Amino acid sequence: MKSQLKSQTRAFAAALLVGVAVGSTVGCTSKTSAASPAPAPEVEVAVVQQKNIPVEREWIGTLDGMVNAAIKAQVTGNLLRQNYAEGSFVHKGQLLFEIDPRPMRAAADQAAGQLAQAGAQLLQAQSGLLLARAQLASAEANQQKAELDENRYVPLAQQQAITQQDLDDARQTNQSQKAQVAAAKAQVETAQAQIEAARAALTAATAAVETAKVNLSFTKLFSPIDGIAGVATTQVGNLVSLSSSPVTTVSTLDPIKANFSVSEQEYLSLTERDAALKNLQLKLVLSDGTVYPQAGRFSFADRQVNPSTGAIQLTGLFPNPGNRLRPGQYGKVRASVGTRAGALLVPQRAINEMQGNYSVAVVDPDNTIRFAIVKVGDRVGSDWVVEEGLKPREKVVADGLFKIRPGAPVNPKVVN
């Protein structure tokens, strides 16, 4: 690496010397005379600083509401009126829209009538059960009497106190009464089944009434949360239904979420220490370049890494008094993820770039110029981190590069 830097330095210096030589040739007259040497040009120099600097990372973030409640129609009907101002703050339970309630009210009245009818049918079935039980009791009593008569006639017939015909009539009567008892029991069972059916119909009718009442209540659309109500996507008079898109959305904006994605490697680096993510302090750089005055905090990481991008979504929360920030805004989420010890810093204006190579003009201890190829890292404010090519306390030219050439003496003036 050092030999490569030296060869790049020699090439860069040679290119610069050619430019200086050409400029000198143009500026000279055809006749030169011996003149006193010009004084060394004055240049501004900066001392290479070695500091411990915070390591910052920056990601593109998208803002979103903490809670976004989509307001949708749950019944079919025409939108009757809108009861809020778009973009205004609304409270939980505030009426936002009304759907024409007449069809739902008619359905509720019809369900109430069916409920009353089902109740009457249940009473009728209960009355039938009472009648069937009374008839069963009467049949059982008659059968018991017929059975007693038959039992009494048997010894009398044996003694020929009565005729055989009388005994046969008693037996026939007993059998007839037993048949009537069985029929009465069947009627009781039928009446009980009718009661069960009537009760089921009553339950269904009650449920239909409740459903009709709920549907009627759905004709009024309330805000489920405190937040900012968005633009109405459906105009008054339009038909809405359960399959329609939301008529508006209400979002809670304080705090507001900032969603951003980090690579899997960054995520592993951030989580290698206990509570590193939890203690992550966030800054938000808005689209106009200003830094949002309220600091944010890390909230949570998504449950999985996206297999297509190899990134995982993180979410931060930022205080948003006055609801200045809105969902959909883009910004840069910045965070300090550590400290770099002993970083070398030079002003950005001291770094020169040529064909992808970076160099600085170094003022050696004898106040002569030497060009050094450097490897640069992150930018920190108005400074640039130099990874290779410089040493601490060296002096680099920060202003006046057009006055110098390699090996030429200069009059350095330290500016930092």
Protein backbone atom coordinates (compact mmCIF):
# COMPACT_ATOMS: atom_id res chain seq x y z
CA MET A 1 0.00 0.00 0.00
CA LYS A 2 2.84 2.42 0.87
CA SER A 3 4.63 1.78 -2.47
CA GLN A 4 1.31 2.33 -4.27
CA LEU A 5 0.79 5.63 -2.42
CA LYS A 6 4.35 6.71 -3.29
CA SER A 7 3.87 5.94 -6.99
CA GLN A 8 0.52 7.76 -7.01
CA THR A 9 2.15 10.70 -5.24
CA ARG A 10 4.95 10.89 -7.83
CA ALA A 11 2.43 10.72 -10.67
CA PHE A 12 0.23 13.42 -9.13
CA ALA A 13 3.22 15.67 -8.47
CA ALA A 14 4.51 15.18 -12.02
CA ALA A 15 1.12 16.17 -13.42
CA LEU A 16 1.04 19.23 -11.22
CA LEU A 17 4.61 20.18 -12.25
CA VAL A 18 3.64 20.04 -15.92
CA GLY A 19 0.77 22.42 -15.24
CA VAL A 20 2.99 24.77 -13.29
CA ALA A 21 5.67 24.68 -16.01
CA VAL A 22 3.17 25.51 -18.72
CA GLY A 23 1.81 28.40 -16.67
CA SER A 24 5.33 29.68 -16.03
CA THR A 25 6.21 29.56 -19.75
CA VAL A 26 3.12 31.54 -20.71
CA GLY A 27 3.74 34.12 -18.04
CA CYS A 28 7.41 34.75 -18.93
CA THR A 29 8.70 37.20 -21.58
CA SER A 30 10.97 36.05 -24.41
CA LYS A 31 13.86 37.79 -22.75
CA THR A 32 14.70 37.08 -19.13
CA SER A 33 17.03 38.95 -17.00
CA ALA A 34 18.64 38.00 -13.78
CA ALA A 35 16.23 39.04 -11.04
CA SER A 36 16.19 38.66 -7.33
CA PRO A 37 14.27 35.56 -6.17
CA ALA A 38 10.59 36.22 -5.35
CA PRO A 39 9.57 35.89 -1.71
CA ALA A 40 7.93 32.64 -0.67
CA PRO A 41 4.15 32.88 -1.15
CA GLU A 42 1.99 33.01 1.92
CA VAL A 43 -0.49 30.14 2.23
CA GLU A 44 -3.05 29.21 4.85
CA VAL A 45 -2.36 25.88 6.47
CA ALA A 46 -4.30 23.66 8.85
CA VAL A 47 -2.81 21.32 11.40
CA VAL A 48 -3.91 17.67 11.14
CA GLN A 49 -5.98 17.07 14.25
CA GLN A 50 -6.23 13.74 16.05
CA LYS A 51 -9.49 13.37 17.96
CA ASN A 52 -11.96 10.87 19.27
CA ILE A 53 -15.04 11.39 17.10
CA PRO A 54 -18.52 9.91 17.26
CA VAL A 55 -19.28 7.37 14.54
CA GLU A 56 -22.55 8.35 12.87
CA ARG A 57 -24.73 6.43 10.47
CA GLU A 58 -27.47 7.81 8.28
CA TRP A 59 -30.44 6.10 6.65
CA ILE A 60 -33.36 7.20 4.49
CA GLY A 61 -36.54 7.21 6.56
CA THR A 62 -40.25 7.52 5.89
CA LEU A 63 -42.63 9.05 8.41
CA ASP A 64 -45.87 7.33 9.37
CA GLY A 65 -48.60 7.81 11.94
CA MET A 66 -48.28 5.97 15.22
CA VAL A 67 -51.80 4.62 14.64
CA ASN A 68 -53.58 4.89 11.28
CA ALA A 69 -57.28 4.12 11.62
CA ALA A 70 -58.99 3.55 8.27
CA ILE A 71 -62.64 4.67 8.45
CA LYS A 72 -64.71 2.28 6.31
CA ALA A 73 -68.41 1.84 5.67
CA GLN A 74 -69.83 -1.35 7.18
CA VAL A 75 -73.24 -1.13 5.52
CA THR A 76 -74.39 -0.27 2.02
CA GLY A 77 -75.99 3.12 1.52
CA ASN A 78 -75.60 6.63 0.18
CA LEU A 79 -73.31 9.00 2.05
CA LEU A 80 -75.63 11.55 3.56
CA ARG A 81 -73.28 14.12 5.09
CA GLN A 82 -69.70 14.84 6.19
CA ASN A 83 -69.33 16.25 9.70
CA TYR A 84 -65.64 17.21 9.99
CA ALA A 85 -63.13 19.53 8.34
CA GLU A 86 -60.47 17.69 6.36
CA GLY A 87 -57.02 17.92 7.95
CA SER A 88 -58.44 18.93 11.32
CA PHE A 89 -57.86 17.31 14.69
CA VAL A 90 -60.73 15.04 15.71
CA HIS A 91 -61.49 13.38 19.02
CA LYS A 92 -62.29 9.76 19.78
CA GLY A 93 -66.03 9.21 19.30
CA GLN A 94 -66.51 12.29 17.10
CA LEU A 95 -69.04 11.85 14.28
CA LEU A 96 -67.31 12.01 10.89
CA PHE A 97 -69.84 10.74 8.32
CA GLU A 98 -73.50 9.75 8.13
CA ILE A 99 -74.98 7.17 5.76
CA ASP A 100 -78.68 7.31 4.81
CA PRO A 101 -80.30 5.37 7.72
CA ARG A 102 -83.75 4.78 6.18
CA PRO A 103 -83.08 1.31 4.72
CA MET A 104 -81.47 0.16 7.96
CA ARG A 105 -84.27 1.62 10.05
CA ALA A 106 -86.85 -0.21 7.93
CA ALA A 107 -84.89 -3.44 8.34
CA ALA A 108 -84.82 -2.85 12.10
CA ASP A 109 -88.58 -2.31 12.22
CA GLN A 110 -89.17 -5.47 10.18
CA ALA A 111 -86.91 -7.46 12.53
CA ALA A 112 -88.80 -6.09 15.52
CA GLY A 113 -92.10 -7.27 13.96
CA GLN A 114 -90.69 -10.73 13.34
CA LEU A 115 -89.52 -10.84 16.94
CA ALA A 116 -93.04 -10.04 18.17
CA GLN A 117 -94.47 -12.72 15.89
CA ALA A 118 -91.96 -15.28 17.19
CA GLY A 119 -92.91 -14.38 20.76
CA ALA A 120 -96.61 -14.92 19.99
CA GLN A 121 -95.86 -18.29 18.40
CA LEU A 122 -93.97 -19.33 21.51
CA LEU A 123 -96.94 -18.41 23.72
CA GLN A 124 -99.26 -20.35 21.43
CA ALA A 125 -96.97 -23.39 21.59
CA GLN A 126 -96.84 -23.16 25.37
CA SER A 127 -100.64 -23.04 25.50
CA GLY A 128 -100.82 -26.10 23.26
CA LEU A 129 -98.49 -27.92 25.61
CA LEU A 130 -100.73 -27.14 28.57
CA LEU A 131 -103.78 -28.41 26.70
CA ALA A 132 -101.96 -31.58 25.61
CA ARG A 133 -100.89 -32.29 29.18
CA ALA A 134 -104.47 -31.82 30.41
CA GLN A 135 -105.72 -34.21 27.79
CA LEU A 136 -103.01 -36.71 28.77
CA ALA A 137 -104.04 -36.49 32.43
CA SER A 138 -107.70 -37.08 31.49
CA ALA A 139 -106.78 -40.04 29.27
CA GLU A 140 -104.62 -41.60 31.98
CA ALA A 141 -107.46 -41.23 34.51
CA ASN A 142 -109.96 -42.85 32.15
CA GLN A 143 -107.53 -45.67 31.42
CA GLN A 144 -106.95 -46.33 35.08
CA LYS A 145 -110.75 -46.53 35.66
CA ALA A 146 -111.13 -48.90 32.69
CA GLU A 147 -108.34 -51.08 34.00
CA LEU A 148 -110.00 -51.26 37.44
CA ASP A 149 -113.28 -52.23 35.83
CA GLU A 150 -111.59 -54.98 33.85
CA ASN A 151 -109.85 -56.32 36.93
CA ARG A 152 -113.11 -56.31 38.88
CA TYR A 153 -115.04 -58.05 36.07
CA VAL A 154 -112.66 -61.01 35.77
CA PRO A 155 -113.65 -62.80 39.06
CA LEU A 156 -117.31 -61.89 38.53
CA ALA A 157 -117.26 -63.50 35.13
CA GLN A 158 -115.64 -66.62 36.63
CA GLN A 159 -118.48 -66.76 39.15
CA GLN A 160 -120.93 -66.12 36.30
CA ALA A 161 -122.14 -63.07 38.12
CA ILE A 162 -121.81 -61.16 34.86
CA THR A 163 -121.89 -62.25 31.31
CA GLN A 164 -118.80 -62.84 29.20
CA GLN A 165 -119.90 -59.96 27.03
CA ASP A 166 -119.62 -57.57 29.96
CA LEU A 167 -116.04 -58.73 30.58
CA ASP A 168 -115.13 -58.36 26.91
CA ASP A 169 -116.59 -54.87 26.85
CA ALA A 170 -114.50 -53.91 29.90
CA ARG A 171 -111.34 -55.25 28.30
CA GLN A 172 -112.08 -53.40 25.05
CA THR A 173 -112.69 -50.18 26.92
CA ASN A 174 -109.37 -50.56 28.77
CA GLN A 175 -107.46 -51.10 25.50
CA SER A 176 -109.19 -48.09 23.95
CA GLN A 177 -108.21 -45.92 26.90
CA LYS A 178 -104.59 -47.08 26.68
CA ALA A 179 -104.56 -46.00 23.01
CA GLN A 180 -105.92 -42.59 23.99
CA VAL A 181 -103.18 -42.24 26.63
CA ALA A 182 -100.53 -42.99 23.99
CA ALA A 183 -102.08 -40.45 21.62
CA ALA A 184 -102.16 -37.84 24.39
CA LYS A 185 -98.47 -38.47 25.14
CA ALA A 186 -97.67 -38.01 21.46
CA GLN A 187 -99.55 -34.70 21.50
CA VAL A 188 -97.51 -33.58 24.53
CA GLU A 189 -94.25 -34.44 22.74
CA THR A 190 -95.45 -32.60 19.62
CA ALA A 191 -96.33 -29.56 21.73
CA GLN A 192 -92.87 -29.65 23.37
CA ALA A 193 -91.22 -29.82 19.95
CA GLN A 194 -93.29 -26.85 18.82
CA ILE A 195 -92.14 -24.93 21.88
CA GLU A 196 -88.49 -25.69 21.07
CA ALA A 197 -89.03 -24.56 17.50
CA ALA A 198 -90.77 -21.42 18.70
CA ARG A 199 -87.91 -20.71 21.11
CA ALA A 200 -85.36 -21.15 18.30
CA ALA A 201 -87.39 -18.82 16.09
CA LEU A 202 -87.52 -16.32 18.97
CA THR A 203 -83.73 -16.53 19.40
CA ALA A 204 -83.22 -16.01 15.66
CA ALA A 205 -85.63 -13.08 15.65
CA THR A 206 -83.84 -11.54 18.64
CA ALA A 207 -80.50 -11.89 16.85
CA ALA A 208 -82.03 -10.34 13.73
CA VAL A 209 -83.18 -7.37 15.80
CA GLU A 210 -79.70 -6.94 17.29
CA THR A 211 -78.13 -7.20 13.83
CA ALA A 212 -80.55 -4.61 12.49
CA LYS A 213 -79.74 -2.29 15.39
CA VAL A 214 -75.99 -2.73 14.81
CA ASN A 215 -76.41 -2.04 11.09
CA LEU A 216 -78.45 1.03 11.94
CA SER A 217 -75.66 2.21 14.25
CA PHE A 218 -73.16 1.65 11.41
CA THR A 219 -74.84 4.42 9.44
CA LYS A 220 -72.86 6.82 11.63
CA LEU A 221 -69.08 6.67 11.25
CA PHE A 222 -67.19 7.81 14.34
CA SER A 223 -63.48 8.36 14.89
CA PRO A 224 -62.03 5.49 16.97
CA ILE A 225 -59.03 7.57 18.11
CA ASP A 226 -57.81 11.11 18.72
CA GLY A 227 -55.85 12.30 15.69
CA ILE A 228 -55.68 14.15 12.41
CA ALA A 229 -58.44 13.29 9.93
CA GLY A 230 -57.36 13.07 6.32
CA VAL A 231 -59.02 13.98 3.05
CA ALA A 232 -62.43 12.43 2.38
CA THR A 233 -62.01 9.95 -0.47
CA THR A 234 -65.77 9.71 -1.12
CA GLN A 235 -68.10 12.62 -1.71
CA VAL A 236 -71.54 13.15 -0.19
CA GLY A 237 -74.19 11.36 -2.26
CA ASN A 238 -71.96 8.52 -3.38
CA LEU A 239 -72.85 4.90 -2.66
CA VAL A 240 -70.58 3.19 -0.15
CA SER A 241 -70.45 -0.41 1.01
CA LEU A 242 -68.39 -2.87 2.97
CA SER A 243 -66.22 -3.52 -0.10
CA SER A 244 -65.55 0.19 -0.71
CA SER A 245 -62.19 1.77 0.09
CA PRO A 246 -61.87 3.78 3.33
CA VAL A 247 -63.74 7.07 3.24
CA THR A 248 -60.90 8.68 5.21
CA THR A 249 -58.06 7.86 7.61
CA VAL A 250 -57.39 9.24 11.09
CA SER A 251 -53.79 9.17 12.32
CA THR A 252 -52.18 9.82 15.68
CA LEU A 253 -49.10 11.94 14.98
CA ASP A 254 -47.56 12.65 18.37
CA PRO A 255 -45.27 10.81 18.58
CA ILE A 256 -44.74 10.03 14.91
CA LYS A 257 -42.96 6.96 13.55
CA ALA A 258 -39.89 7.08 11.32
CA ASN A 259 -39.35 3.80 9.48
CA PHE A 260 -35.91 3.13 8.02
CA SER A 261 -34.02 0.07 6.79
CA VAL A 262 -30.52 -1.02 7.77
CA SER A 263 -28.44 -3.78 6.29
CA GLU A 264 -28.21 -7.12 8.03
CA GLN A 265 -24.53 -6.39 8.86
CA GLU A 266 -25.43 -3.02 10.42
CA TYR A 267 -28.21 -4.64 12.41
CA LEU A 268 -25.82 -7.27 13.77
CA SER A 269 -23.32 -4.54 14.66
CA LEU A 270 -25.99 -2.52 16.48
CA THR A 271 -27.20 -5.53 18.47
CA GLU A 272 -23.84 -7.03 19.44
CA ARG A 273 -23.94 -5.09 22.70
CA ASP A 274 -26.69 -5.31 25.28
CA ALA A 275 -29.30 -2.56 24.96
CA ALA A 276 -27.40 -0.91 22.07
CA LEU A 277 -30.55 -0.50 20.00
CA LYS A 278 -32.68 0.43 22.99
CA ASN A 279 -30.38 3.34 23.85
CA LEU A 280 -30.02 4.54 20.25
CA GLN A 281 -30.62 8.28 20.04
CA LEU A 282 -31.93 9.46 16.69
CA LYS A 283 -31.84 12.73 14.77
CA LEU A 284 -34.08 13.56 11.83
CA VAL A 285 -32.76 15.59 8.89
CA LEU A 286 -35.71 16.99 6.95
CA SER A 287 -35.93 17.29 3.18
CA ASP A 288 -34.87 20.96 3.30
CA GLY A 289 -31.64 20.01 5.07
CA THR A 290 -32.64 21.28 8.51
CA VAL A 291 -32.30 19.08 11.56
CA TYR A 292 -35.57 18.49 13.38
CA PRO A 293 -35.19 20.02 16.86
CA GLN A 294 -36.74 17.07 18.73
CA ALA A 295 -34.52 14.02 19.29
CA GLY A 296 -36.02 10.60 18.64
CA ARG A 297 -35.61 7.21 20.21
CA PHE A 298 -35.54 3.66 18.90
CA SER A 299 -38.88 1.85 19.15
CA PHE A 300 -38.64 -1.63 17.62
CA ALA A 301 -37.15 -3.78 14.86
CA ASP A 302 -39.22 -5.75 12.39
CA ARG A 303 -39.57 -9.47 12.98
CA GLN A 304 -37.54 -10.52 9.93
CA VAL A 305 -34.88 -9.55 7.42
CA ASN A 306 -36.23 -8.92 3.94
CA PRO A 307 -34.87 -11.84 1.87
CA SER A 308 -34.97 -9.76 -1.32
CA THR A 309 -32.95 -6.79 -0.06
CA GLY A 310 -31.06 -8.24 2.90
CA ALA A 311 -32.28 -5.33 5.05
CA ILE A 312 -34.40 -5.11 8.16
CA GLN A 313 -36.79 -2.31 9.02
CA LEU A 314 -36.28 -0.34 12.21
CA THR A 315 -38.73 2.16 13.66
CA GLY A 316 -37.95 5.26 15.67
CA LEU A 317 -40.33 7.60 17.48
CA PHE A 318 -40.07 11.39 17.37
CA PRO A 319 -42.07 13.85 19.47
CA ASN A 320 -44.32 15.88 17.19
CA PRO A 321 -45.93 18.75 19.12
CA GLY A 322 -48.17 20.78 16.88
CA ASN A 323 -48.27 17.91 14.36
CA ARG A 324 -45.69 19.58 12.14
CA LEU A 325 -44.47 16.27 10.79
CA ARG A 326 -46.90 14.31 8.64
CA PRO A 327 -47.08 10.72 7.35
CA GLY A 328 -45.40 10.21 4.00
CA GLN A 329 -42.61 12.72 4.57
CA TYR A 330 -39.07 11.59 3.77
CA GLY A 331 -36.00 12.42 5.79
CA LYS A 332 -32.63 11.13 6.87
CA VAL A 333 -32.47 9.33 10.19
CA ARG A 334 -29.08 9.88 11.78
CA ALA A 335 -27.65 8.13 14.81
CA SER A 336 -24.36 7.99 16.69
CA VAL A 337 -23.46 4.31 16.87
CA GLY A 338 -20.09 4.55 18.63
CA THR A 339 -16.81 6.45 19.01
CA ARG A 340 -13.72 6.28 16.82
CA ALA A 341 -10.55 6.86 18.79
CA GLY A 342 -7.62 8.82 17.33
CA ALA A 343 -9.17 9.81 14.00
CA LEU A 344 -7.18 12.23 11.84
CA LEU A 345 -9.18 15.26 10.68
CA VAL A 346 -8.39 17.88 8.02
CA PRO A 347 -10.64 20.58 6.56
CA GLN A 348 -12.57 19.44 3.51
CA ARG A 349 -11.19 22.35 1.47
CA ALA A 350 -7.67 20.97 1.93
CA ILE A 351 -8.56 17.74 0.07
CA ASN A 352 -7.98 17.70 -3.71
CA GLU A 353 -9.54 15.13 -6.02
CA MET A 354 -8.16 14.12 -9.41
CA GLN A 355 -9.45 11.10 -11.34
CA GLY A 356 -10.73 9.38 -8.22
CA ASN A 357 -7.54 9.97 -6.22
CA TYR A 358 -7.42 12.26 -3.22
CA SER A 359 -4.39 14.30 -2.25
CA VAL A 360 -3.28 17.04 0.10
CA ALA A 361 -0.43 19.56 -0.07
CA VAL A 362 1.75 18.96 2.98
CA VAL A 363 4.06 21.68 4.33
CA ASP A 364 7.20 19.92 5.55
CA PRO A 365 9.21 21.21 8.53
CA ASP A 366 11.49 23.14 6.15
CA ASN A 367 8.42 24.96 4.81
CA THR A 368 8.49 23.26 1.41
CA ILE A 369 5.57 21.65 -0.37
CA ARG A 370 5.03 17.93 -0.69
CA PHE A 371 1.95 16.37 -2.25
CA ALA A 372 0.62 13.25 -0.52
CA ILE A 373 -1.99 10.81 -1.78
CA VAL A 374 -4.46 10.08 1.01
CA LYS A 375 -7.31 7.71 1.65
CA VAL A 376 -10.36 9.52 3.01
CA GLY A 377 -13.17 8.24 5.19
CA ASP A 378 -16.31 9.81 6.66
CA ARG A 379 -17.07 13.51 6.73
CA VAL A 380 -17.50 15.08 10.15
CA GLY A 381 -19.01 18.53 9.87
CA SER A 382 -16.62 20.64 7.76
CA ASP A 383 -13.76 18.15 8.24
CA TRP A 384 -12.80 14.94 6.51
CA VAL A 385 -11.43 11.82 8.19
CA VAL A 386 -8.11 10.74 6.63
CA GLU A 387 -7.55 6.99 6.85
CA GLU A 388 -4.02 6.83 5.37
CA GLY A 389 -1.35 9.20 4.08
CA LEU A 390 -1.02 11.71 6.92
CA LYS A 391 0.34 11.90 10.45
CA PRO A 392 -0.92 13.85 13.46
CA ARG A 393 0.23 17.51 13.70
CA GLU A 394 1.34 17.66 10.06
CA LYS A 395 0.42 20.88 8.27
CA VAL A 396 -1.63 20.86 5.08
CA VAL A 397 -2.44 23.74 2.75
CA ALA A 398 -6.03 24.84 3.24
CA ASP A 399 -6.01 27.88 0.93
CA GLY A 400 -3.63 29.14 -1.76
CA LEU A 401 -3.07 25.96 -3.76
CA PHE A 402 -2.70 28.00 -6.94
CA LYS A 403 0.47 29.62 -5.48
CA ILE A 404 2.44 26.45 -4.80
CA ARG A 405 4.35 23.72 -6.54
CA PRO A 406 6.13 20.59 -5.26
CA GLY A 407 9.38 21.34 -3.48
CA ALA A 408 8.81 25.11 -3.54
CA PRO A 409 9.14 27.08 -0.32
CA VAL A 410 6.07 28.73 1.21
CA ASN A 411 5.29 31.03 4.08
CA PRO A 412 2.71 29.05 6.08
CA LYS A 413 0.07 30.76 8.15
CA VAL A 414 -1.83 28.48 10.53
CA VAL A 415 -5.61 29.10 10.48
CA ASN A 416 -6.81 26.53 12.98
